Amino acid sequence: MRQLVACVALSALLAGCGGSGRGRAEAVCQEQADKVAAHAGSMLLHYGGGTVYPADMSYLGLRGSLRRYDRAGCPASTLGATLRRALTPRERQTLLGLLPRPSASRLHQALRTA
């Protein structure tokens, strides 16, 4: 009887977890994509002369966010869609022009998949 109760309890627990890993992963990816987009906007603001501290700081933030995004194994399409929502076509073009080639290529690839 104990084993039956334990099996039922374990089954209920595992059923309650079903699918939540995927939803959590999607939420983490979206959160990371939002951070990349925020750093991209900050970088554009800085390079446009909208702040007083060095623009390199915003680039370093963007680069770090992009690395965390990639380390999490998130899909390029989530990042691309987020950048399309957050930045105008002109801003995206300016951003890609400001970035070093590896970062620009990575974001361009993400934008193509969105």
C-alpha atoms as a PDB file:
ATOM      1  CA  MET A   1       0.000   0.000   0.000  1.00  0.00           C
ATOM      2  CA  ARG A   2       2.856   2.388   0.847  1.00  0.00           C
ATOM      3  CA  GLN A   3       4.463   1.723  -2.502  1.00  0.00           C
ATOM      4  CA  LEU A   4       1.189   2.452  -4.280  1.00  0.00           C
ATOM      5  CA  VAL A   5       0.784   5.759  -2.441  1.00  0.00           C
ATOM      6  CA  ALA A   6       4.406   6.642  -3.168  1.00  0.00           C
ATOM      7  CA  CYS A   7       3.968   5.813  -6.871  1.00  0.00           C
ATOM      8  CA  VAL A   8       0.788   7.868  -7.123  1.00  0.00           C
ATOM      9  CA  ALA A   9       2.419  10.804  -5.339  1.00  0.00           C
ATOM     10  CA  LEU A  10       5.496  10.621  -7.533  1.00  0.00           C
ATOM     11  CA  SER A  11       3.368  10.367 -10.681  1.00  0.00           C
ATOM     12  CA  ALA A  12       1.356  13.411  -9.652  1.00  0.00           C
ATOM     13  CA  LEU A  13       4.512  15.346  -8.923  1.00  0.00           C
ATOM     14  CA  LEU A  14       6.089  14.461 -12.255  1.00  0.00           C
ATOM     15  CA  ALA A  15       2.878  15.184 -14.147  1.00  0.00           C
ATOM     16  CA  GLY A  16       2.783  18.606 -12.568  1.00  0.00           C
ATOM     17  CA  CYS A  17       6.256  19.269 -13.921  1.00  0.00           C
ATOM     18  CA  GLY A  18       5.430  18.106 -17.422  1.00  0.00           C
ATOM     19  CA  GLY A  19       6.140  20.752 -20.028  1.00  0.00           C
ATOM     20  CA  SER A  20       7.234  23.363 -17.528  1.00  0.00           C
ATOM     21  CA  GLY A  21      10.883  22.929 -18.468  1.00  0.00           C
ATOM     22  CA  ARG A  22      10.160  24.013 -21.998  1.00  0.00           C
ATOM     23  CA  GLY A  23       8.079  26.986 -20.871  1.00  0.00           C
ATOM     24  CA  ARG A  24      10.801  28.019 -18.461  1.00  0.00           C
ATOM     25  CA  ALA A  25      13.451  27.696 -21.139  1.00  0.00           C
ATOM     26  CA  GLU A  26      11.389  29.863 -23.478  1.00  0.00           C
ATOM     27  CA  ALA A  27      10.946  32.440 -20.726  1.00  0.00           C
ATOM     28  CA  VAL A  28      14.687  32.468 -20.014  1.00  0.00           C
ATOM     29  CA  CYS A  29      15.443  32.887 -23.713  1.00  0.00           C
ATOM     30  CA  GLN A  30      12.977  35.746 -24.036  1.00  0.00           C
ATOM     31  CA  GLU A  31      14.433  37.439 -20.973  1.00  0.00           C
ATOM     32  CA  GLN A  32      17.942  37.134 -22.405  1.00  0.00           C
ATOM     33  CA  ALA A  33      16.773  38.387 -25.816  1.00  0.00           C
ATOM     34  CA  ASP A  34      15.179  41.397 -24.095  1.00  0.00           C
ATOM     35  CA  LYS A  35      18.513  42.148 -22.426  1.00  0.00           C
ATOM     36  CA  VAL A  36      20.355  41.985 -25.747  1.00  0.00           C
ATOM     37  CA  ALA A  37      17.793  44.359 -27.265  1.00  0.00           C
ATOM     38  CA  ALA A  38      18.074  46.740 -24.308  1.00  0.00           C
ATOM     39  CA  HIS A  39      21.860  46.839 -24.648  1.00  0.00           C
ATOM     40  CA  ALA A  40      21.487  47.383 -28.397  1.00  0.00           C
ATOM     41  CA  GLY A  41      19.225  50.369 -27.737  1.00  0.00           C
ATOM     42  CA  SER A  42      21.680  51.691 -25.173  1.00  0.00           C
ATOM     43  CA  MET A  43      24.515  51.317 -27.642  1.00  0.00           C
ATOM     44  CA  LEU A  44      22.618  53.289 -30.274  1.00  0.00           C
ATOM     45  CA  LEU A  45      21.854  56.009 -27.743  1.00  0.00           C
ATOM     46  CA  HIS A  46      25.498  56.235 -26.704  1.00  0.00           C
ATOM     47  CA  TYR A  47      26.925  56.264 -30.206  1.00  0.00           C
ATOM     48  CA  GLY A  48      24.380  58.934 -31.093  1.00  0.00           C
ATOM     49  CA  GLY A  49      25.809  61.198 -28.384  1.00  0.00           C
ATOM     50  CA  GLY A  50      22.824  60.818 -26.051  1.00  0.00           C
ATOM     51  CA  THR A  51      24.876  60.148 -22.910  1.00  0.00           C
ATOM     52  CA  VAL A  52      28.133  61.184 -21.337  1.00  0.00           C
ATOM     53  CA  TYR A  53      29.831  57.900 -20.514  1.00  0.00           C
ATOM     54  CA  PRO A  54      31.768  55.927 -23.147  1.00  0.00           C
ATOM     55  CA  ALA A  55      29.801  53.984 -25.738  1.00  0.00           C
ATOM     56  CA  ASP A  56      32.186  51.067 -25.326  1.00  0.00           C
ATOM     57  CA  MET A  57      30.450  50.242 -22.054  1.00  0.00           C
ATOM     58  CA  SER A  58      27.164  49.645 -23.850  1.00  0.00           C
ATOM     59  CA  TYR A  59      28.917  47.489 -26.458  1.00  0.00           C
ATOM     60  CA  LEU A  60      30.476  45.381 -23.712  1.00  0.00           C
ATOM     61  CA  GLY A  61      27.018  44.982 -22.165  1.00  0.00           C
ATOM     62  CA  LEU A  62      25.560  43.904 -25.499  1.00  0.00           C
ATOM     63  CA  ARG A  63      28.394  41.465 -26.129  1.00  0.00           C
ATOM     64  CA  GLY A  64      27.980  39.944 -22.661  1.00  0.00           C
ATOM     65  CA  SER A  65      24.221  39.601 -23.071  1.00  0.00           C
ATOM     66  CA  LEU A  66      24.669  37.983 -26.458  1.00  0.00           C
ATOM     67  CA  ARG A  67      27.143  35.481 -25.005  1.00  0.00           C
ATOM     68  CA  ARG A  68      24.728  34.576 -22.206  1.00  0.00           C
ATOM     69  CA  TYR A  69      21.950  34.183 -24.783  1.00  0.00           C
ATOM     70  CA  ASP A  70      24.057  31.812 -26.852  1.00  0.00           C
ATOM     71  CA  ARG A  71      25.289  29.890 -23.792  1.00  0.00           C
ATOM     72  CA  ALA A  72      21.675  29.242 -22.809  1.00  0.00           C
ATOM     73  CA  GLY A  73      21.156  27.528 -26.169  1.00  0.00           C
ATOM     74  CA  CYS A  74      18.380  29.889 -27.179  1.00  0.00           C
ATOM     75  CA  PRO A  75      17.092  29.922 -30.773  1.00  0.00           C
ATOM     76  CA  ALA A  76      18.157  32.652 -33.169  1.00  0.00           C
ATOM     77  CA  SER A  77      14.519  33.280 -34.090  1.00  0.00           C
ATOM     78  CA  THR A  78      13.644  34.514 -30.577  1.00  0.00           C
ATOM     79  CA  LEU A  79      16.493  36.998 -30.631  1.00  0.00           C
ATOM     80  CA  GLY A  80      15.688  38.143 -34.163  1.00  0.00           C
ATOM     81  CA  ALA A  81      12.014  38.678 -33.402  1.00  0.00           C
ATOM     82  CA  THR A  82      12.877  40.607 -30.248  1.00  0.00           C
ATOM     83  CA  LEU A  83      15.304  42.872 -32.103  1.00  0.00           C
ATOM     84  CA  ARG A  84      12.700  43.504 -34.808  1.00  0.00           C
ATOM     85  CA  ARG A  85      10.170  44.564 -32.171  1.00  0.00           C
ATOM     86  CA  ALA A  86      12.618  46.694 -30.196  1.00  0.00           C
ATOM     87  CA  LEU A  87      14.427  48.510 -33.015  1.00  0.00           C
ATOM     88  CA  THR A  88      13.298  50.231 -36.178  1.00  0.00           C
ATOM     89  CA  PRO A  89      14.769  49.042 -39.487  1.00  0.00           C
ATOM     90  CA  ARG A  90      17.026  52.094 -39.524  1.00  0.00           C
ATOM     91  CA  GLU A  91      18.209  51.429 -35.957  1.00  0.00           C
ATOM     92  CA  ARG A  92      18.944  47.796 -36.817  1.00  0.00           C
ATOM     93  CA  GLN A  93      20.965  48.885 -39.832  1.00  0.00           C
ATOM     94  CA  THR A  94      22.900  51.424 -37.739  1.00  0.00           C
ATOM     95  CA  LEU A  95      23.558  48.849 -35.020  1.00  0.00           C
ATOM     96  CA  LEU A  96      24.894  46.292 -37.490  1.00  0.00           C
ATOM     97  CA  GLY A  97      27.176  48.962 -38.916  1.00  0.00           C
ATOM     98  CA  LEU A  98      28.572  49.836 -35.485  1.00  0.00           C
ATOM     99  CA  LEU A  99      29.300  46.309 -34.334  1.00  0.00           C
ATOM    100  CA  PRO A 100      32.469  44.330 -35.000  1.00  0.00           C
ATOM    101  CA  ARG A 101      31.956  41.788 -37.771  1.00  0.00           C
ATOM    102  CA  PRO A 102      31.441  38.681 -35.560  1.00  0.00           C
ATOM    103  CA  SER A 103      28.731  40.356 -33.470  1.00  0.00           C
ATOM    104  CA  ALA A 104      27.118  41.974 -36.502  1.00  0.00           C
ATOM    105  CA  SER A 105      27.054  38.632 -38.322  1.00  0.00           C
ATOM    106  CA  ARG A 106      25.489  36.936 -35.306  1.00  0.00           C
ATOM    107  CA  LEU A 107      22.716  39.535 -35.040  1.00  0.00           C
ATOM    108  CA  HIS A 108      22.182  39.626 -38.807  1.00  0.00           C
ATOM    109  CA  GLN A 109      21.717  35.854 -38.777  1.00  0.00           C
ATOM    110  CA  ALA A 110      19.188  36.151 -35.945  1.00  0.00           C
ATOM    111  CA  LEU A 111      17.280  38.857 -37.813  1.00  0.00           C
ATOM    112  CA  ARG A 112      17.099  36.650 -40.914  1.00  0.00           C
ATOM    113  CA  THR A 113      15.462  33.836 -38.944  1.00  0.00           C
ATOM    114  CA  ALA A 114      12.754  36.023 -37.411  1.00  0.00           C
END
